[in-house]
Amino acid sequence: MEQVKIKPSVLKEQIDNGMKMKELAEHYGLPVAQMKNVLKTLGLEIRRFRKPLWVIEEEEPEVTNLEEIENTPEPQAEVEALAQQGVEEVPSNTFVYGGPNRFA
């Protein structure tokens, strides 16, 4: 089989005009796999004319009760409220038993 001579400028023009891989392979008398290698070697790609049939959408959080969300205290306010509560002082040498359900 005789080697096929391909001019990169001509091939680029054919691709820009919309020729597909199979058409290019038939035009140059090459198998499709060899035509893919030619394009890869030259850094060329076949343009895709179709839009994808799918779109990834951003998910929005579910809102069940707007009042509940509006009445939820801010985390900072909760921290400040906890800081205002008194802490029971326990001597450092005292063992504090949490009861039978402590580790449940």
C-alpha atoms as a PDB file:
ATOM      1  CA  MET A   1       0.000   0.000   0.000  1.00  0.00           C
ATOM      2  CA  GLU A   2       1.290   3.398  -0.959  1.00  0.00           C
ATOM      3  CA  GLN A   3       1.704   6.068   1.719  1.00  0.00           C
ATOM      4  CA  VAL A   4      -0.940   8.757   1.687  1.00  0.00           C
ATOM      5  CA  LYS A   5       0.282  12.345   1.557  1.00  0.00           C
ATOM      6  CA  ILE A   6      -1.737  14.723   3.686  1.00  0.00           C
ATOM      7  CA  LYS A   7      -1.208  18.476   3.789  1.00  0.00           C
ATOM      8  CA  PRO A   8      -2.054  19.807   7.263  1.00  0.00           C
ATOM      9  CA  SER A   9      -3.502  23.057   5.876  1.00  0.00           C
ATOM     10  CA  VAL A  10      -5.850  21.163   3.541  1.00  0.00           C
ATOM     11  CA  LEU A  11      -6.918  18.781   6.305  1.00  0.00           C
ATOM     12  CA  LYS A  12      -7.589  21.690   8.660  1.00  0.00           C
ATOM     13  CA  GLU A  13      -9.698  23.378   5.985  1.00  0.00           C
ATOM     14  CA  GLN A  14     -11.689  20.176   5.431  1.00  0.00           C
ATOM     15  CA  ILE A  15     -12.365  19.896   9.166  1.00  0.00           C
ATOM     16  CA  ASP A  16     -13.358  23.573   9.345  1.00  0.00           C
ATOM     17  CA  ASN A  17     -15.803  22.945   6.477  1.00  0.00           C
ATOM     18  CA  GLY A  18     -17.526  20.246   8.547  1.00  0.00           C
ATOM     19  CA  MET A  19     -16.120  16.973   7.267  1.00  0.00           C
ATOM     20  CA  LYS A  20     -16.497  14.154   9.774  1.00  0.00           C
ATOM     21  CA  MET A  21     -13.990  11.449  10.682  1.00  0.00           C
ATOM     22  CA  LYS A  22     -15.551   8.786   8.463  1.00  0.00           C
ATOM     23  CA  GLU A  23     -15.696  11.153   5.472  1.00  0.00           C
ATOM     24  CA  LEU A  24     -12.061  12.165   5.958  1.00  0.00           C
ATOM     25  CA  ALA A  25     -10.970   8.532   6.220  1.00  0.00           C
ATOM     26  CA  GLU A  26     -12.803   7.659   2.994  1.00  0.00           C
ATOM     27  CA  HIS A  27     -11.386  10.734   1.245  1.00  0.00           C
ATOM     28  CA  TYR A  28      -7.796   9.776   2.095  1.00  0.00           C
ATOM     29  CA  GLY A  29      -8.366   6.032   1.726  1.00  0.00           C
ATOM     30  CA  LEU A  30      -7.425   5.297   5.341  1.00  0.00           C
ATOM     31  CA  PRO A  31      -9.110   3.313   8.085  1.00  0.00           C
ATOM     32  CA  VAL A  32     -10.900   5.490  10.656  1.00  0.00           C
ATOM     33  CA  ALA A  33      -8.383   4.497  13.362  1.00  0.00           C
ATOM     34  CA  GLN A  34      -5.486   5.734  11.204  1.00  0.00           C
ATOM     35  CA  MET A  35      -7.350   8.978  10.447  1.00  0.00           C
ATOM     36  CA  LYS A  36      -7.765   9.515  14.195  1.00  0.00           C
ATOM     37  CA  ASN A  37      -4.005   9.087  14.599  1.00  0.00           C
ATOM     38  CA  VAL A  38      -3.376  11.682  11.881  1.00  0.00           C
ATOM     39  CA  LEU A  39      -5.629  14.219  13.607  1.00  0.00           C
ATOM     40  CA  LYS A  40      -4.036  13.490  16.983  1.00  0.00           C
ATOM     41  CA  THR A  41      -0.533  13.890  15.540  1.00  0.00           C
ATOM     42  CA  LEU A  42      -1.461  17.260  14.030  1.00  0.00           C
ATOM     43  CA  GLY A  43      -3.374  18.388  17.136  1.00  0.00           C
ATOM     44  CA  LEU A  44      -6.644  18.747  15.253  1.00  0.00           C
ATOM     45  CA  GLU A  45     -10.143  17.916  16.470  1.00  0.00           C
ATOM     46  CA  ILE A  46     -13.431  17.327  14.716  1.00  0.00           C
ATOM     47  CA  ARG A  47     -15.928  19.997  15.709  1.00  0.00           C
ATOM     48  CA  ARG A  48     -19.070  18.839  17.444  1.00  0.00           C
ATOM     49  CA  PHE A  49     -22.191  20.376  15.989  1.00  0.00           C
ATOM     50  CA  ARG A  50     -24.687  18.841  18.383  1.00  0.00           C
ATOM     51  CA  LYS A  51     -25.458  20.189  21.780  1.00  0.00           C
ATOM     52  CA  PRO A  52     -25.427  17.658  24.589  1.00  0.00           C
ATOM     53  CA  LEU A  53     -28.818  16.137  25.317  1.00  0.00           C
ATOM     54  CA  TRP A  54     -28.398  16.800  29.048  1.00  0.00           C
ATOM     55  CA  VAL A  55     -27.744  19.717  31.389  1.00  0.00           C
ATOM     56  CA  ILE A  56     -26.539  19.582  34.984  1.00  0.00           C
ATOM     57  CA  GLU A  57     -28.706  21.751  37.195  1.00  0.00           C
ATOM     58  CA  GLU A  58     -27.800  23.212  40.551  1.00  0.00           C
ATOM     59  CA  GLU A  59     -29.810  21.744  43.389  1.00  0.00           C
ATOM     60  CA  GLU A  60     -31.705  24.129  45.620  1.00  0.00           C
ATOM     61  CA  PRO A  61     -32.282  23.291  49.270  1.00  0.00           C
ATOM     62  CA  GLU A  62     -35.816  22.262  50.078  1.00  0.00           C
ATOM     63  CA  VAL A  63     -37.796  24.883  51.976  1.00  0.00           C
ATOM     64  CA  THR A  64     -40.604  23.302  53.960  1.00  0.00           C
ATOM     65  CA  ASN A  65     -41.594  26.019  56.387  1.00  0.00           C
ATOM     66  CA  LEU A  66     -40.461  29.591  55.779  1.00  0.00           C
ATOM     67  CA  GLU A  67     -41.474  30.703  59.292  1.00  0.00           C
ATOM     68  CA  GLU A  68     -39.302  28.020  60.853  1.00  0.00           C
ATOM     69  CA  ILE A  69     -36.309  29.211  58.867  1.00  0.00           C
ATOM     70  CA  GLU A  70     -36.940  32.855  59.718  1.00  0.00           C
ATOM     71  CA  ASN A  71     -37.315  32.076  63.438  1.00  0.00           C
ATOM     72  CA  THR A  72     -34.166  29.977  63.642  1.00  0.00           C
ATOM     73  CA  PRO A  73     -31.634  31.827  65.803  1.00  0.00           C
ATOM     74  CA  GLU A  74     -28.249  32.648  64.382  1.00  0.00           C
ATOM     75  CA  PRO A  75     -25.421  30.345  65.537  1.00  0.00           C
ATOM     76  CA  GLN A  76     -23.577  33.282  67.095  1.00  0.00           C
ATOM     77  CA  ALA A  77     -26.621  34.151  69.197  1.00  0.00           C
ATOM     78  CA  GLU A  78     -26.795  30.540  70.430  1.00  0.00           C
ATOM     79  CA  VAL A  79     -23.140  30.606  71.412  1.00  0.00           C
ATOM     80  CA  GLU A  80     -23.567  33.870  73.299  1.00  0.00           C
ATOM     81  CA  ALA A  81     -26.656  32.505  75.111  1.00  0.00           C
ATOM     82  CA  LEU A  82     -24.733  29.397  76.180  1.00  0.00           C
ATOM     83  CA  ALA A  83     -21.842  31.547  77.361  1.00  0.00           C
ATOM     84  CA  GLN A  84     -24.206  33.510  79.634  1.00  0.00           C
ATOM     85  CA  GLN A  85     -25.409  30.363  81.414  1.00  0.00           C
ATOM     86  CA  GLY A  86     -23.691  29.465  84.642  1.00  0.00           C
ATOM     87  CA  VAL A  87     -21.335  26.491  84.877  1.00  0.00           C
ATOM     88  CA  GLU A  88     -21.451  24.241  87.901  1.00  0.00           C
ATOM     89  CA  GLU A  89     -18.164  24.200  89.737  1.00  0.00           C
ATOM     90  CA  VAL A  90     -16.873  20.706  90.582  1.00  0.00           C
ATOM     91  CA  PRO A  91     -13.723  20.161  92.617  1.00  0.00           C
ATOM     92  CA  SER A  92     -10.963  18.718  90.460  1.00  0.00           C
ATOM     93  CA  ASN A  93     -10.546  15.628  92.656  1.00  0.00           C
ATOM     94  CA  THR A  94     -14.256  14.633  92.313  1.00  0.00           C
ATOM     95  CA  PHE A  95     -15.383  11.832  89.978  1.00  0.00           C
ATOM     96  CA  VAL A  96     -18.565  12.758  88.086  1.00  0.00           C
ATOM     97  CA  TYR A  97     -20.680   9.762  87.130  1.00  0.00           C
ATOM     98  CA  GLY A  98     -23.062  10.440  84.253  1.00  0.00           C
ATOM     99  CA  GLY A  99     -25.537   7.713  85.117  1.00  0.00           C
ATOM    100  CA  PRO A 100     -26.373   4.402  83.403  1.00  0.00           C
ATOM    101  CA  ASN A 101     -27.185   6.030  80.033  1.00  0.00           C
ATOM    102  CA  ARG A 102     -24.012   8.103  79.808  1.00  0.00           C
ATOM    103  CA  PHE A 103     -22.348   5.915  77.166  1.00  0.00           C
ATOM    104  CA  ALA A 104     -25.501   4.714  75.421  1.00  0.00           C
END
